[in-house]
């Protein structure tokens, strides 16, 4: 996980920059474009967090069966 998260960030940055440039042209303001990208980013992150299963109190000592 330590090496995967930075790669996800590197992959998401071009999409965020493209969205920022699109919203900058559409909304006409750098501040509004930044807010739009920020809201979209937070919405996607909360949606992703909503789908994660809670592991508190769960046995995490798994053994795979062949």
PDB file of N, CA and C in Angstrom:
ATOM      1  N   UNK A   1       0.813  -1.181   0.000  1.00  0.00           N
ATOM      2  CA  UNK A   1       0.000   0.000   0.000  1.00  0.00           C
ATOM      3  C   UNK A   1       0.866   1.259   0.000  1.00  0.00           C
ATOM      4  N   UNK A   2       2.024   1.152   0.608  1.00  0.00           N
ATOM      5  CA  UNK A   2       2.896   2.317   0.698  1.00  0.00           C
ATOM      6  C   UNK A   2       3.335   2.802  -0.673  1.00  0.00           C
ATOM      7  N   UNK A   3       3.537   1.896  -1.602  1.00  0.00           N
ATOM      8  CA  UNK A   3       3.959   2.312  -2.951  1.00  0.00           C
ATOM      9  C   UNK A   3       2.782   2.536  -3.881  1.00  0.00           C
ATOM     10  N   UNK A   4       1.601   2.039  -3.547  1.00  0.00           N
ATOM     11  CA  UNK A   4       0.443   2.162  -4.432  1.00  0.00           C
ATOM     12  C   UNK A   4      -0.190   3.541  -4.355  1.00  0.00           C
ATOM     13  N   UNK A   5      -0.316   4.102  -3.165  1.00  0.00           N
ATOM     14  CA  UNK A   5      -0.994   5.386  -3.003  1.00  0.00           C
ATOM     15  C   UNK A   5      -0.301   6.508  -3.782  1.00  0.00           C
ATOM     16  N   UNK A   6       1.014   6.665  -3.715  1.00  0.00           N
ATOM     17  CA  UNK A   6       1.635   7.721  -4.534  1.00  0.00           C
ATOM     18  C   UNK A   6       1.413   7.516  -6.032  1.00  0.00           C
ATOM     19  N   UNK A   7       1.345   6.274  -6.469  1.00  0.00           N
ATOM     20  CA  UNK A   7       1.080   6.033  -7.884  1.00  0.00           C
ATOM     21  C   UNK A   7      -0.349   6.422  -8.257  1.00  0.00           C
ATOM     22  N   UNK A   8      -1.302   6.198  -7.349  1.00  0.00           N
ATOM     23  CA  UNK A   8      -2.669   6.651  -7.605  1.00  0.00           C
ATOM     24  C   UNK A   8      -2.718   8.172  -7.702  1.00  0.00           C
ATOM     25  N   UNK A   9      -1.964   8.839  -6.840  1.00  0.00           N
ATOM     26  CA  UNK A   9      -1.936  10.305  -6.870  1.00  0.00           C
ATOM     27  C   UNK A   9      -1.325  10.785  -8.176  1.00  0.00           C
ATOM     28  N   UNK A  10      -0.220  10.177  -8.571  1.00  0.00           N
ATOM     29  CA  UNK A  10       0.408  10.568  -9.845  1.00  0.00           C
ATOM     30  C   UNK A  10      -0.528  10.347 -11.021  1.00  0.00           C
ATOM     31  N   UNK A  11      -1.323   9.313 -10.959  1.00  0.00           N
ATOM     32  CA  UNK A  11      -2.264   9.043 -12.042  1.00  0.00           C
ATOM     33  C   UNK A  11      -3.459   9.978 -12.034  1.00  0.00           C
ATOM     34  N   UNK A  12      -3.837  10.478 -10.859  1.00  0.00           N
ATOM     35  CA  UNK A  12      -5.003  11.349 -10.747  1.00  0.00           C
ATOM     36  C   UNK A  12      -4.680  12.805 -11.064  1.00  0.00           C
ATOM     37  N   UNK A  13      -3.442  13.210 -10.918  1.00  0.00           N
ATOM     38  CA  UNK A  13      -3.079  14.617 -11.131  1.00  0.00           C
ATOM     39  C   UNK A  13      -3.379  15.079 -12.559  1.00  0.00           C
ATOM     40  N   UNK A  14      -3.048  14.337 -13.612  1.00  0.00           N
ATOM     41  CA  UNK A  14      -3.406  14.818 -14.956  1.00  0.00           C
ATOM     42  C   UNK A  14      -4.915  14.977 -15.153  1.00  0.00           C
ATOM     43  N   UNK A  15      -5.712  14.102 -14.541  1.00  0.00           N
ATOM     44  CA  UNK A  15      -7.164  14.239 -14.640  1.00  0.00           C
ATOM     45  C   UNK A  15      -7.651  15.484 -13.898  1.00  0.00           C
ATOM     46  N   UNK A  16      -7.047  15.752 -12.749  1.00  0.00           N
ATOM     47  CA  UNK A  16      -7.431  16.941 -11.987  1.00  0.00           C
ATOM     48  C   UNK A  16      -7.010  18.225 -12.715  1.00  0.00           C
ATOM     49  N   UNK A  17      -5.846  18.214 -13.335  1.00  0.00           N
ATOM     50  CA  UNK A  17      -5.394  19.387 -14.088  1.00  0.00           C
ATOM     51  C   UNK A  17      -6.294  19.622 -15.295  1.00  0.00           C
ATOM     52  N   UNK A  18      -6.662  18.537 -15.986  1.00  0.00           N
ATOM     53  CA  UNK A  18      -7.567  18.673 -17.132  1.00  0.00           C
ATOM     54  C   UNK A  18      -8.928  19.207 -16.682  1.00  0.00           C
ATOM     55  N   UNK A  19      -9.419  18.707 -15.557  1.00  0.00           N
ATOM     56  CA  UNK A  19     -10.681  19.222 -15.021  1.00  0.00           C
ATOM     57  C   UNK A  19     -10.569  20.680 -14.623  1.00  0.00           C
ATOM     58  N   UNK A  20      -9.449  21.049 -14.020  1.00  0.00           N
ATOM     59  CA  UNK A  20      -9.239  22.441 -13.632  1.00  0.00           C
ATOM     60  C   UNK A  20      -9.238  23.353 -14.850  1.00  0.00           C
ATOM     61  N   UNK A  21      -8.524  22.953 -15.893  1.00  0.00           N
ATOM     62  CA  UNK A  21      -8.480  23.781 -17.107  1.00  0.00           C
ATOM     63  C   UNK A  21      -9.853  23.880 -17.762  1.00  0.00           C
ATOM     64  N   UNK A  22     -10.603  22.782 -17.745  1.00  0.00           N
ATOM     65  CA  UNK A  22     -11.954  22.808 -18.309  1.00  0.00           C
ATOM     66  C   UNK A  22     -12.842  23.764 -17.518  1.00  0.00           C
ATOM     67  N   UNK A  23     -12.829  23.636 -16.189  1.00  0.00           N
ATOM     68  CA  UNK A  23     -13.673  24.487 -15.363  1.00  0.00           C
ATOM     69  C   UNK A  23     -13.219  25.940 -15.383  1.00  0.00           C
ATOM     70  N   UNK A  24     -11.917  26.162 -15.564  1.00  0.00           N
ATOM     71  CA  UNK A  24     -11.432  27.539 -15.642  1.00  0.00           C
ATOM     72  C   UNK A  24     -12.018  28.234 -16.865  1.00  0.00           C
ATOM     73  N   UNK A  25     -12.091  27.504 -17.976  1.00  0.00           N
ATOM     74  CA  UNK A  25     -12.690  28.080 -19.174  1.00  0.00           C
ATOM     75  C   UNK A  25     -14.198  28.194 -19.079  1.00  0.00           C
ATOM     76  N   UNK A  26     -14.828  27.209 -18.437  1.00  0.00           N
ATOM     77  CA  UNK A  26     -16.284  27.198 -18.331  1.00  0.00           C
ATOM     78  C   UNK A  26     -16.789  28.189 -17.297  1.00  0.00           C
ATOM     79  N   UNK A  27     -16.193  28.182 -16.109  1.00  0.00           N
ATOM     80  CA  UNK A  27     -16.661  29.032 -15.028  1.00  0.00           C
ATOM     81  C   UNK A  27     -16.054  30.430 -15.070  1.00  0.00           C
ATOM     82  N   UNK A  28     -14.933  30.580 -15.764  1.00  0.00           N
ATOM     83  CA  UNK A  28     -14.337  31.893 -15.951  1.00  0.00           C
ATOM     84  C   UNK A  28     -13.529  32.419 -14.781  1.00  0.00           C
ATOM     85  N   UNK A  29     -13.296  31.624 -13.771  1.00  0.00           N
ATOM     86  CA  UNK A  29     -12.539  32.089 -12.613  1.00  0.00           C
ATOM     87  C   UNK A  29     -11.658  30.951 -12.095  1.00  0.00           C
ATOM     88  N   UNK A  30     -10.441  31.304 -11.723  1.00  0.00           N
ATOM     89  CA  UNK A  30      -9.516  30.313 -11.192  1.00  0.00           C
ATOM     90  C   UNK A  30     -10.026  29.787  -9.839  1.00  0.00           C
ATOM     91  N   UNK A  31     -10.584  30.678  -9.018  1.00  0.00           N
ATOM     92  CA  UNK A  31     -11.078  30.265  -7.701  1.00  0.00           C
ATOM     93  C   UNK A  31     -12.240  29.292  -7.830  1.00  0.00           C
ATOM     94  N   UNK A  32     -13.179  29.575  -8.727  1.00  0.00           N
ATOM     95  CA  UNK A  32     -14.317  28.676  -8.916  1.00  0.00           C
ATOM     96  C   UNK A  32     -13.887  27.353  -9.522  1.00  0.00           C
ATOM     97  N   UNK A  33     -12.910  27.396 -10.406  1.00  0.00           N
ATOM     98  CA  UNK A  33     -12.408  26.155 -10.995  1.00  0.00           C
ATOM     99  C   UNK A  33     -11.739  25.297  -9.940  1.00  0.00           C
ATOM    100  N   UNK A  34     -10.960  25.921  -9.059  1.00  0.00           N
ATOM    101  CA  UNK A  34     -10.329  25.189  -7.960  1.00  0.00           C
ATOM    102  C   UNK A  34     -11.354  24.596  -7.015  1.00  0.00           C
ATOM    103  N   UNK A  35     -12.397  25.361  -6.725  1.00  0.00           N
ATOM    104  CA  UNK A  35     -13.446  24.838  -5.847  1.00  0.00           C
ATOM    105  C   UNK A  35     -14.179  23.670  -6.494  1.00  0.00           C
ATOM    106  N   UNK A  36     -14.438  23.760  -7.790  1.00  0.00           N
ATOM    107  CA  UNK A  36     -15.142  22.680  -8.488  1.00  0.00           C
ATOM    108  C   UNK A  36     -14.308  21.397  -8.478  1.00  0.00           C
ATOM    109  N   UNK A  37     -13.016  21.520  -8.742  1.00  0.00           N
ATOM    110  CA  UNK A  37     -12.142  20.347  -8.709  1.00  0.00           C
ATOM    111  C   UNK A  37     -12.041  19.805  -7.289  1.00  0.00           C
ATOM    112  N   UNK A  38     -11.954  20.669  -6.305  1.00  0.00           N
ATOM    113  CA  UNK A  38     -11.891  20.241  -4.914  1.00  0.00           C
ATOM    114  C   UNK A  38     -13.152  19.517  -4.473  1.00  0.00           C
ATOM    115  N   UNK A  39     -14.316  20.055  -4.835  1.00  0.00           N
ATOM    116  CA  UNK A  39     -15.577  19.408  -4.479  1.00  0.00           C
ATOM    117  C   UNK A  39     -15.680  18.038  -5.149  1.00  0.00           C
ATOM    118  N   UNK A  40     -15.289  17.962  -6.420  1.00  0.00           N
ATOM    119  CA  UNK A  40     -15.333  16.678  -7.121  1.00  0.00           C
ATOM    120  C   UNK A  40     -14.371  15.672  -6.493  1.00  0.00           C
ATOM    121  N   UNK A  41     -13.190  16.129  -6.107  1.00  0.00           N
ATOM    122  CA  UNK A  41     -12.207  15.248  -5.483  1.00  0.00           C
ATOM    123  C   UNK A  41     -12.696  14.729  -4.134  1.00  0.00           C
ATOM    124  N   UNK A  42     -13.243  15.622  -3.318  1.00  0.00           N
ATOM    125  CA  UNK A  42     -13.772  15.199  -2.019  1.00  0.00           C
ATOM    126  C   UNK A  42     -14.967  14.269  -2.190  1.00  0.00           C
ATOM    127  N   UNK A  43     -15.829  14.551  -3.158  1.00  0.00           N
ATOM    128  CA  UNK A  43     -16.991  13.684  -3.382  1.00  0.00           C
ATOM    129  C   UNK A  43     -16.543  12.281  -3.774  1.00  0.00           C
ATOM    130  N   UNK A  44     -15.568  12.179  -4.660  1.00  0.00           N
ATOM    131  CA  UNK A  44     -15.057  10.860  -5.042  1.00  0.00           C
ATOM    132  C   UNK A  44     -14.384  10.151  -3.877  1.00  0.00           C
ATOM    133  N   UNK A  45     -13.661  10.892  -3.049  1.00  0.00           N
ATOM    134  CA  UNK A  45     -12.988  10.252  -1.919  1.00  0.00           C
ATOM    135  C   UNK A  45     -13.994   9.757  -0.878  1.00  0.00           C
ATOM    136  N   UNK A  46     -15.042  10.542  -0.593  1.00  0.00           N
ATOM    137  CA  UNK A  46     -16.058  10.084   0.356  1.00  0.00           C
ATOM    138  C   UNK A  46     -16.845   8.899  -0.195  1.00  0.00           C
ATOM    139  N   UNK A  47     -17.088   8.895  -1.488  1.00  0.00           N
ATOM    140  CA  UNK A  47     -17.761   7.763  -2.126  1.00  0.00           C
ATOM    141  C   UNK A  47     -16.899   6.506  -1.997  1.00  0.00           C
ATOM    142  N   UNK A  48     -15.591   6.652  -2.186  1.00  0.00           N
ATOM    143  CA  UNK A  48     -14.686   5.520  -2.021  1.00  0.00           C
ATOM    144  C   UNK A  48     -14.616   5.035  -0.583  1.00  0.00           C
ATOM    145  N   UNK A  49     -14.592   5.969   0.362  1.00  0.00           N
ATOM    146  CA  UNK A  49     -14.576   5.587   1.769  1.00  0.00           C
ATOM    147  C   UNK A  49     -15.863   4.888   2.185  1.00  0.00           C
ATOM    148  N   UNK A  50     -16.962   5.269   1.597  1.00  0.00           N
ATOM    149  CA  UNK A  50     -18.249   4.668   1.928  1.00  0.00           C
ATOM    150  C   UNK A  50     -18.261   3.177   1.582  1.00  0.00           C
ATOM    151  N   UNK A  51     -17.524   2.786   0.544  1.00  0.00           N
ATOM    152  CA  UNK A  51     -17.527   1.400   0.101  1.00  0.00           C
ATOM    153  C   UNK A  51     -16.530   0.499   0.808  1.00  0.00           C
ATOM    154  N   UNK A  52     -15.687   1.063   1.686  1.00  0.00           N
ATOM    155  CA  UNK A  52     -14.686   0.253   2.376  1.00  0.00           C
ATOM    156  C   UNK A  52     -15.325  -0.446   3.573  1.00  0.00           C
ATOM    157  N   UNK A  53     -15.057  -1.726   3.705  1.00  0.00           N
ATOM    158  CA  UNK A  53     -15.590  -2.497   4.819  1.00  0.00           C
ATOM    159  C   UNK A  53     -14.819  -2.168   6.098  1.00  0.00           C
ATOM    160  N   UNK A  54     -15.533  -2.003   7.184  1.00  0.00           N
ATOM    161  CA  UNK A  54     -14.916  -1.721   8.478  1.00  0.00           C
ATOM    162  C   UNK A  54     -14.208  -2.971   8.991  1.00  0.00           C
ATOM    163  N   UNK A  55     -12.973  -2.818   9.465  1.00  0.00           N
ATOM    164  CA  UNK A  55     -12.196  -3.962   9.949  1.00  0.00           C
ATOM    165  C   UNK A  55     -11.970  -3.911  11.456  1.00  0.00           C
ATOM    166  N   UNK A  56     -12.568  -2.963  12.153  1.00  0.00           N
ATOM    167  CA  UNK A  56     -12.390  -2.875  13.596  1.00  0.00           C
ATOM    168  C   UNK A  56     -13.005  -4.110  14.260  1.00  0.00           C
ATOM    169  N   UNK A  57     -12.223  -4.801  15.061  1.00  0.00           N
ATOM    170  CA  UNK A  57     -12.698  -5.973  15.756  1.00  0.00           C
ATOM    171  C   UNK A  57     -12.773  -7.221  14.906  1.00  0.00           C
ATOM    172  N   UNK A  58     -12.321  -7.148  13.674  1.00  0.00           N
ATOM    173  CA  UNK A  58     -12.366  -8.288  12.771  1.00  0.00           C
ATOM    174  C   UNK A  58     -11.024  -9.008  12.803  1.00  0.00           C
ATOM    175  N   UNK A  59     -11.058 -10.324  12.745  1.00  0.00           N
ATOM    176  CA  UNK A  59      -9.826 -11.106  12.714  1.00  0.00           C
ATOM    177  C   UNK A  59      -9.126 -10.872  11.374  1.00  0.00           C
ATOM    178  N   UNK A  60      -7.915 -10.355  11.427  1.00  0.00           N
ATOM    179  CA  UNK A  60      -7.165 -10.038  10.214  1.00  0.00           C
ATOM    180  C   UNK A  60      -6.059 -11.046   9.926  1.00  0.00           C
ATOM    181  N   UNK A  61      -6.033 -12.139  10.646  1.00  0.00           N
ATOM    182  CA  UNK A  61      -5.023 -13.175  10.436  1.00  0.00           C
ATOM    183  C   UNK A  61      -5.592 -14.220   9.444  1.00  0.00           C
ATOM    184  N   UNK A  62      -5.526 -13.867   8.166  1.00  0.00           N
ATOM    185  CA  UNK A  62      -6.105 -14.726   7.127  1.00  0.00           C
ATOM    186  C   UNK A  62      -5.119 -15.776   6.667  1.00  0.00           C
ATOM    187  N   UNK A  63      -5.622 -16.918   6.312  1.00  0.00           N
ATOM    188  CA  UNK A  63      -4.835 -17.941   5.640  1.00  0.00           C
ATOM    189  C   UNK A  63      -5.591 -18.338   4.375  1.00  0.00           C
ATOM    190  N   UNK A  64      -4.888 -18.345   3.260  1.00  0.00           N
ATOM    191  CA  UNK A  64      -5.502 -18.678   1.992  1.00  0.00           C
ATOM    192  C   UNK A  64      -5.596 -20.187   1.841  1.00  0.00           C
ATOM    193  N   UNK A  65      -6.700 -20.640   1.331  1.00  0.00           N
ATOM    194  CA  UNK A  65      -6.842 -22.061   1.043  1.00  0.00           C
ATOM    195  C   UNK A  65      -6.727 -22.264  -0.458  1.00  0.00           C
ATOM    196  N   UNK A  66      -6.000 -23.295  -0.836  1.00  0.00           N
ATOM    197  CA  UNK A  66      -5.739 -23.516  -2.256  1.00  0.00           C
ATOM    198  C   UNK A  66      -6.910 -24.121  -2.970  1.00  0.00           C
TER     199      UNK A  66
END
